[in-house]
Amino acid sequence: MAWTWRFEAADGSEVAPSVEPEEFTTQGDAESWIGEQWRALLAGGTDRVQLLDDGKEVYPRPMSLHAEGE
């Protein structure tokens, strides 16, 4: 299995990440990485992310990188 992230603008269009991701072997590793990199990704133009497991969306909707209320 390959766990990867899709990076999106607020309108849902795909954007290039400001931090180059890797393919992760576990969901936990992928989620730890986003926890460490979300600020840099947000500063680089990513508004939200979606975790993919072999190309299939894991979450019911993309996860915002903005603080609640923003």
PDB file of N, CA and C in Angstrom:
ATOM      1  N   MET A   1       0.839  -1.195   0.000  1.00  0.00           N
ATOM      2  CA  MET A   1       0.000   0.000   0.000  1.00  0.00           C
ATOM      3  C   MET A   1       0.873   1.244   0.000  1.00  0.00           C
ATOM      4  N   ALA A   2       0.405   2.259  -0.683  1.00  0.00           N
ATOM      5  CA  ALA A   2       1.106   3.537  -0.710  1.00  0.00           C
ATOM      6  C   ALA A   2       0.158   4.625  -0.223  1.00  0.00           C
ATOM      7  N   TRP A   3       0.542   5.277   0.841  1.00  0.00           N
ATOM      8  CA  TRP A   3      -0.232   6.383   1.399  1.00  0.00           C
ATOM      9  C   TRP A   3       0.396   7.668   0.877  1.00  0.00           C
ATOM     10  N   THR A   4      -0.406   8.509   0.247  1.00  0.00           N
ATOM     11  CA  THR A   4       0.077   9.774  -0.314  1.00  0.00           C
ATOM     12  C   THR A   4      -0.915  10.875   0.028  1.00  0.00           C
ATOM     13  N   TRP A   5      -0.478  12.112  -0.157  1.00  0.00           N
ATOM     14  CA  TRP A   5      -1.339  13.281   0.066  1.00  0.00           C
ATOM     15  C   TRP A   5      -1.635  13.955  -1.251  1.00  0.00           C
ATOM     16  N   ARG A   6      -2.863  14.457  -1.391  1.00  0.00           N
ATOM     17  CA  ARG A   6      -3.226  15.355  -2.493  1.00  0.00           C
ATOM     18  C   ARG A   6      -3.360  16.742  -1.868  1.00  0.00           C
ATOM     19  N   PHE A   7      -2.783  17.718  -2.517  1.00  0.00           N
ATOM     20  CA  PHE A   7      -2.735  19.090  -2.007  1.00  0.00           C
ATOM     21  C   PHE A   7      -3.675  19.945  -2.840  1.00  0.00           C
ATOM     22  N   GLU A   8      -4.519  20.742  -2.169  1.00  0.00           N
ATOM     23  CA  GLU A   8      -5.559  21.503  -2.858  1.00  0.00           C
ATOM     24  C   GLU A   8      -5.608  22.952  -2.413  1.00  0.00           C
ATOM     25  N   ALA A   9      -6.069  23.793  -3.335  1.00  0.00           N
ATOM     26  CA  ALA A   9      -6.406  25.181  -3.016  1.00  0.00           C
ATOM     27  C   ALA A   9      -7.798  25.171  -2.381  1.00  0.00           C
ATOM     28  N   ALA A  10      -8.242  26.308  -1.898  1.00  0.00           N
ATOM     29  CA  ALA A  10      -9.551  26.403  -1.245  1.00  0.00           C
ATOM     30  C   ALA A  10     -10.696  25.999  -2.177  1.00  0.00           C
ATOM     31  N   ASP A  11     -10.519  26.211  -3.488  1.00  0.00           N
ATOM     32  CA  ASP A  11     -11.573  25.879  -4.446  1.00  0.00           C
ATOM     33  C   ASP A  11     -11.550  24.404  -4.871  1.00  0.00           C
ATOM     34  N   GLY A  12     -10.622  23.626  -4.318  1.00  0.00           N
ATOM     35  CA  GLY A  12     -10.557  22.208  -4.630  1.00  0.00           C
ATOM     36  C   GLY A  12      -9.617  21.843  -5.757  1.00  0.00           C
ATOM     37  N   SER A  13      -9.046  22.846  -6.404  1.00  0.00           N
ATOM     38  CA  SER A  13      -8.096  22.548  -7.476  1.00  0.00           C
ATOM     39  C   SER A  13      -6.783  22.057  -6.876  1.00  0.00           C
ATOM     40  N   GLU A  14      -6.140  21.147  -7.579  1.00  0.00           N
ATOM     41  CA  GLU A  14      -4.893  20.576  -7.087  1.00  0.00           C
ATOM     42  C   GLU A  14      -3.763  21.594  -7.243  1.00  0.00           C
ATOM     43  N   VAL A  15      -2.898  21.678  -6.235  1.00  0.00           N
ATOM     44  CA  VAL A  15      -1.749  22.588  -6.260  1.00  0.00           C
ATOM     45  C   VAL A  15      -0.482  21.796  -5.973  1.00  0.00           C
ATOM     46  N   ALA A  16       0.636  22.346  -6.406  1.00  0.00           N
ATOM     47  CA  ALA A  16       1.929  21.739  -6.099  1.00  0.00           C
ATOM     48  C   ALA A  16       2.315  22.092  -4.670  1.00  0.00           C
ATOM     49  N   PRO A  17       2.740  21.119  -3.885  1.00  0.00           N
ATOM     50  CA  PRO A  17       3.104  21.405  -2.501  1.00  0.00           C
ATOM     51  C   PRO A  17       4.430  22.141  -2.397  1.00  0.00           C
ATOM     52  N   SER A  18       4.548  22.990  -1.389  1.00  0.00           N
ATOM     53  CA  SER A  18       5.794  23.721  -1.163  1.00  0.00           C
ATOM     54  C   SER A  18       6.835  22.847  -0.470  1.00  0.00           C
ATOM     55  N   VAL A  19       6.402  21.753   0.111  1.00  0.00           N
ATOM     56  CA  VAL A  19       7.287  20.774   0.738  1.00  0.00           C
ATOM     57  C   VAL A  19       7.073  19.457  -0.004  1.00  0.00           C
ATOM     58  N   GLU A  20       8.143  18.903  -0.551  1.00  0.00           N
ATOM     59  CA  GLU A  20       8.012  17.677  -1.340  1.00  0.00           C
ATOM     60  C   GLU A  20       7.687  16.489  -0.435  1.00  0.00           C
ATOM     61  N   PRO A  21       6.532  15.860  -0.687  1.00  0.00           N
ATOM     62  CA  PRO A  21       6.153  14.715   0.142  1.00  0.00           C
ATOM     63  C   PRO A  21       6.829  13.438  -0.356  1.00  0.00           C
ATOM     64  N   GLU A  22       6.649  12.397   0.411  1.00  0.00           N
ATOM     65  CA  GLU A  22       7.118  11.078   0.019  1.00  0.00           C
ATOM     66  C   GLU A  22       5.921  10.155   0.002  1.00  0.00           C
ATOM     67  N   GLU A  23       6.129   8.908  -0.421  1.00  0.00           N
ATOM     68  CA  GLU A  23       5.092   7.904  -0.250  1.00  0.00           C
ATOM     69  C   GLU A  23       5.327   7.258   1.102  1.00  0.00           C
ATOM     70  N   PHE A  24       4.269   7.052   1.836  1.00  0.00           N
ATOM     71  CA  PHE A  24       4.367   6.522   3.187  1.00  0.00           C
ATOM     72  C   PHE A  24       3.873   5.086   3.207  1.00  0.00           C
ATOM     73  N   THR A  25       4.436   4.277   4.099  1.00  0.00           N
ATOM     74  CA  THR A  25       4.035   2.880   4.182  1.00  0.00           C
ATOM     75  C   THR A  25       2.879   2.660   5.147  1.00  0.00           C
ATOM     76  N   THR A  26       2.608   3.653   6.010  1.00  0.00           N
ATOM     77  CA  THR A  26       1.476   3.529   6.941  1.00  0.00           C
ATOM     78  C   THR A  26       0.703   4.841   7.000  1.00  0.00           C
ATOM     79  N   GLN A  27      -0.542   4.748   7.375  1.00  0.00           N
ATOM     80  CA  GLN A  27      -1.374   5.931   7.552  1.00  0.00           C
ATOM     81  C   GLN A  27      -0.800   6.811   8.653  1.00  0.00           C
ATOM     82  N   GLY A  28      -0.329   6.194   9.727  1.00  0.00           N
ATOM     83  CA  GLY A  28       0.241   6.950  10.839  1.00  0.00           C
ATOM     84  C   GLY A  28       1.443   7.775  10.431  1.00  0.00           C
ATOM     85  N   ASP A  29       2.313   7.204   9.601  1.00  0.00           N
ATOM     86  CA  ASP A  29       3.480   7.950   9.114  1.00  0.00           C
ATOM     87  C   ASP A  29       3.045   9.145   8.267  1.00  0.00           C
ATOM     88  N   ALA A  30       2.058   8.932   7.412  1.00  0.00           N
ATOM     89  CA  ALA A  30       1.556  10.023   6.569  1.00  0.00           C
ATOM     90  C   ALA A  30       0.947  11.131   7.418  1.00  0.00           C
ATOM     91  N   GLU A  31       0.171  10.758   8.412  1.00  0.00           N
ATOM     92  CA  GLU A  31      -0.476  11.751   9.274  1.00  0.00           C
ATOM     93  C   GLU A  31       0.539  12.472  10.159  1.00  0.00           C
ATOM     94  N   SER A  32       1.573  11.775  10.601  1.00  0.00           N
ATOM     95  CA  SER A  32       2.633  12.431  11.377  1.00  0.00           C
ATOM     96  C   SER A  32       3.349  13.468  10.521  1.00  0.00           C
ATOM     97  N   TRP A  33       3.620  13.115   9.259  1.00  0.00           N
ATOM     98  CA  TRP A  33       4.312  14.029   8.353  1.00  0.00           C
ATOM     99  C   TRP A  33       3.486  15.303   8.154  1.00  0.00           C
ATOM    100  N   ILE A  34       2.173  15.156   7.916  1.00  0.00           N
ATOM    101  CA  ILE A  34       1.347  16.350   7.691  1.00  0.00           C
ATOM    102  C   ILE A  34       1.293  17.185   8.955  1.00  0.00           C
ATOM    103  N   GLY A  35       1.326  16.540  10.120  1.00  0.00           N
ATOM    104  CA  GLY A  35       1.346  17.261  11.378  1.00  0.00           C
ATOM    105  C   GLY A  35       2.602  18.098  11.555  1.00  0.00           C
ATOM    106  N   GLU A  36       3.706  17.639  10.973  1.00  0.00           N
ATOM    107  CA  GLU A  36       4.969  18.376  11.041  1.00  0.00           C
ATOM    108  C   GLU A  36       5.094  19.442   9.956  1.00  0.00           C
ATOM    109  N   GLN A  37       4.424  19.242   8.825  1.00  0.00           N
ATOM    110  CA  GLN A  37       4.638  20.102   7.659  1.00  0.00           C
ATOM    111  C   GLN A  37       3.493  21.043   7.321  1.00  0.00           C
ATOM    112  N   TRP A  38       2.380  20.992   8.036  1.00  0.00           N
ATOM    113  CA  TRP A  38       1.194  21.733   7.606  1.00  0.00           C
ATOM    114  C   TRP A  38       1.421  23.237   7.539  1.00  0.00           C
ATOM    115  N   ARG A  39       2.203  23.790   8.450  1.00  0.00           N
ATOM    116  CA  ARG A  39       2.430  25.246   8.424  1.00  0.00           C
ATOM    117  C   ARG A  39       3.178  25.661   7.164  1.00  0.00           C
ATOM    118  N   ALA A  40       4.206  24.910   6.809  1.00  0.00           N
ATOM    119  CA  ALA A  40       4.977  25.217   5.596  1.00  0.00           C
ATOM    120  C   ALA A  40       4.110  25.032   4.352  1.00  0.00           C
ATOM    121  N   LEU A  41       3.278  24.007   4.349  1.00  0.00           N
ATOM    122  CA  LEU A  41       2.381  23.785   3.215  1.00  0.00           C
ATOM    123  C   LEU A  41       1.378  24.928   3.083  1.00  0.00           C
ATOM    124  N   LEU A  42       0.803  25.354   4.199  1.00  0.00           N
ATOM    125  CA  LEU A  42      -0.148  26.464   4.194  1.00  0.00           C
ATOM    126  C   LEU A  42       0.517  27.740   3.700  1.00  0.00           C
ATOM    127  N   ALA A  43       1.708  28.023   4.193  1.00  0.00           N
ATOM    128  CA  ALA A  43       2.436  29.221   3.756  1.00  0.00           C
ATOM    129  C   ALA A  43       2.774  29.158   2.267  1.00  0.00           C
ATOM    130  N   GLY A  44       2.909  27.947   1.729  1.00  0.00           N
ATOM    131  CA  GLY A  44       3.248  27.770   0.322  1.00  0.00           C
ATOM    132  C   GLY A  44       2.056  27.710  -0.610  1.00  0.00           C
ATOM    133  N   GLY A  45       0.842  27.882  -0.086  1.00  0.00           N
ATOM    134  CA  GLY A  45      -0.328  27.968  -0.952  1.00  0.00           C
ATOM    135  C   GLY A  45      -1.281  26.786  -0.912  1.00  0.00           C
ATOM    136  N   THR A  46      -1.034  25.803  -0.065  1.00  0.00           N
ATOM    137  CA  THR A  46      -1.972  24.690   0.080  1.00  0.00           C
ATOM    138  C   THR A  46      -2.979  25.063   1.158  1.00  0.00           C
ATOM    139  N   ASP A  47      -4.273  24.950   0.828  1.00  0.00           N
ATOM    140  CA  ASP A  47      -5.328  25.265   1.792  1.00  0.00           C
ATOM    141  C   ASP A  47      -5.882  24.027   2.488  1.00  0.00           C
ATOM    142  N   ARG A  48      -5.864  22.896   1.765  1.00  0.00           N
ATOM    143  CA  ARG A  48      -6.416  21.678   2.335  1.00  0.00           C
ATOM    144  C   ARG A  48      -5.741  20.464   1.702  1.00  0.00           C
ATOM    145  N   VAL A  49      -5.861  19.335   2.377  1.00  0.00           N
ATOM    146  CA  VAL A  49      -5.222  18.109   1.903  1.00  0.00           C
ATOM    147  C   VAL A  49      -6.200  16.945   1.999  1.00  0.00           C
ATOM    148  N   GLN A  50      -5.930  15.939   1.198  1.00  0.00           N
ATOM    149  CA  GLN A  50      -6.703  14.700   1.244  1.00  0.00           C
ATOM    150  C   GLN A  50      -5.716  13.542   1.260  1.00  0.00           C
ATOM    151  N   LEU A  51      -5.860  12.646   2.211  1.00  0.00           N
ATOM    152  CA  LEU A  51      -5.018  11.464   2.297  1.00  0.00           C
ATOM    153  C   LEU A  51      -5.570  10.397   1.359  1.00  0.00           C
ATOM    154  N   LEU A  52      -4.665   9.792   0.604  1.00  0.00           N
ATOM    155  CA  LEU A  52      -5.037   8.751  -0.351  1.00  0.00           C
ATOM    156  C   LEU A  52      -4.347   7.448   0.015  1.00  0.00           C
ATOM    157  N   ASP A  53      -5.083   6.361  -0.066  1.00  0.00           N
ATOM    158  CA  ASP A  53      -4.554   5.011   0.138  1.00  0.00           C
ATOM    159  C   ASP A  53      -4.631   4.307  -1.212  1.00  0.00           C
ATOM    160  N   ASP A  54      -3.487   4.180  -1.876  1.00  0.00           N
ATOM    161  CA  ASP A  54      -3.444   3.633  -3.242  1.00  0.00           C
ATOM    162  C   ASP A  54      -4.436   4.353  -4.152  1.00  0.00           C
ATOM    163  N   GLY A  55      -4.513   5.683  -4.018  1.00  0.00           N
ATOM    164  CA  GLY A  55      -5.361   6.503  -4.875  1.00  0.00           C
ATOM    165  C   GLY A  55      -6.787   6.683  -4.393  1.00  0.00           C
ATOM    166  N   LYS A  56      -7.189   5.979  -3.351  1.00  0.00           N
ATOM    167  CA  LYS A  56      -8.560   6.088  -2.831  1.00  0.00           C
ATOM    168  C   LYS A  56      -8.586   7.060  -1.657  1.00  0.00           C
ATOM    169  N   GLU A  57      -9.546   7.984  -1.677  1.00  0.00           N
ATOM    170  CA  GLU A  57      -9.667   8.971  -0.600  1.00  0.00           C
ATOM    171  C   GLU A  57      -9.968   8.285   0.722  1.00  0.00           C
ATOM    172  N   VAL A  58      -9.253   8.679   1.771  1.00  0.00           N
ATOM    173  CA  VAL A  58      -9.398   8.081   3.092  1.00  0.00           C
ATOM    174  C   VAL A  58     -10.446   8.812   3.924  1.00  0.00           C
ATOM    175  N   TYR A  59     -10.439  10.133   3.876  1.00  0.00           N
ATOM    176  CA  TYR A  59     -11.357  10.939   4.685  1.00  0.00           C
ATOM    177  C   TYR A  59     -12.607  11.279   3.878  1.00  0.00           C
ATOM    178  N   PRO A  60     -13.739  11.507   4.555  1.00  0.00           N
ATOM    179  CA  PRO A  60     -14.964  11.837   3.834  1.00  0.00           C
ATOM    180  C   PRO A  60     -14.890  13.183   3.108  1.00  0.00           C
ATOM    181  N   ARG A  61     -13.996  14.061   3.552  1.00  0.00           N
ATOM    182  CA  ARG A  61     -13.800  15.356   2.871  1.00  0.00           C
ATOM    183  C   ARG A  61     -12.355  15.799   3.133  1.00  0.00           C
ATOM    184  N   PRO A  62     -11.834  16.715   2.317  1.00  0.00           N
ATOM    185  CA  PRO A  62     -10.465  17.191   2.532  1.00  0.00           C
ATOM    186  C   PRO A  62     -10.309  17.842   3.898  1.00  0.00           C
ATOM    187  N   MET A  63      -9.108  17.790   4.436  1.00  0.00           N
ATOM    188  CA  MET A  63      -8.793  18.369   5.741  1.00  0.00           C
ATOM    189  C   MET A  63      -8.179  19.753   5.526  1.00  0.00           C
ATOM    190  N   SER A  64      -8.786  20.752   6.138  1.00  0.00           N
ATOM    191  CA  SER A  64      -8.282  22.125   6.038  1.00  0.00           C
ATOM    192  C   SER A  64      -6.985  22.275   6.831  1.00  0.00           C
ATOM    193  N   LEU A  65      -6.070  23.081   6.301  1.00  0.00           N
ATOM    194  CA  LEU A  65      -4.842  23.395   7.025  1.00  0.00           C
ATOM    195  C   LEU A  65      -4.995  24.689   7.811  1.00  0.00           C
ATOM    196  N   HIS A  66      -6.115  25.371   7.661  1.00  0.00           N
ATOM    197  CA  HIS A  66      -6.382  26.614   8.375  1.00  0.00           C
ATOM    198  C   HIS A  66      -6.889  26.329   9.786  1.00  0.00           C
ATOM    199  N   ALA A  67      -6.583  27.221  10.700  1.00  0.00           N
ATOM    200  CA  ALA A  67      -7.117  27.090  12.055  1.00  0.00           C
ATOM    201  C   ALA A  67      -8.634  27.225  12.005  1.00  0.00           C
ATOM    202  N   GLU A  68      -9.311  26.589  12.935  1.00  0.00           N
ATOM    203  CA  GLU A  68     -10.770  26.699  12.974  1.00  0.00           C
ATOM    204  C   GLU A  68     -11.191  28.155  13.019  1.00  0.00           C
ATOM    205  N   GLY A  69     -12.210  28.488  12.261  1.00  0.00           N
ATOM    206  CA  GLY A  69     -12.720  29.850  12.235  1.00  0.00           C
ATOM    207  C   GLY A  69     -12.074  30.724  11.180  1.00  0.00           C
ATOM    208  N   GLU A  70     -11.047  30.221  10.529  1.00  0.00           N
ATOM    209  CA  GLU A  70     -10.401  31.031   9.467  1.00  0.00           C
ATOM    210  C   GLU A  70     -11.108  30.813   8.165  1.00  0.00           C
TER     211      GLU A  70
END
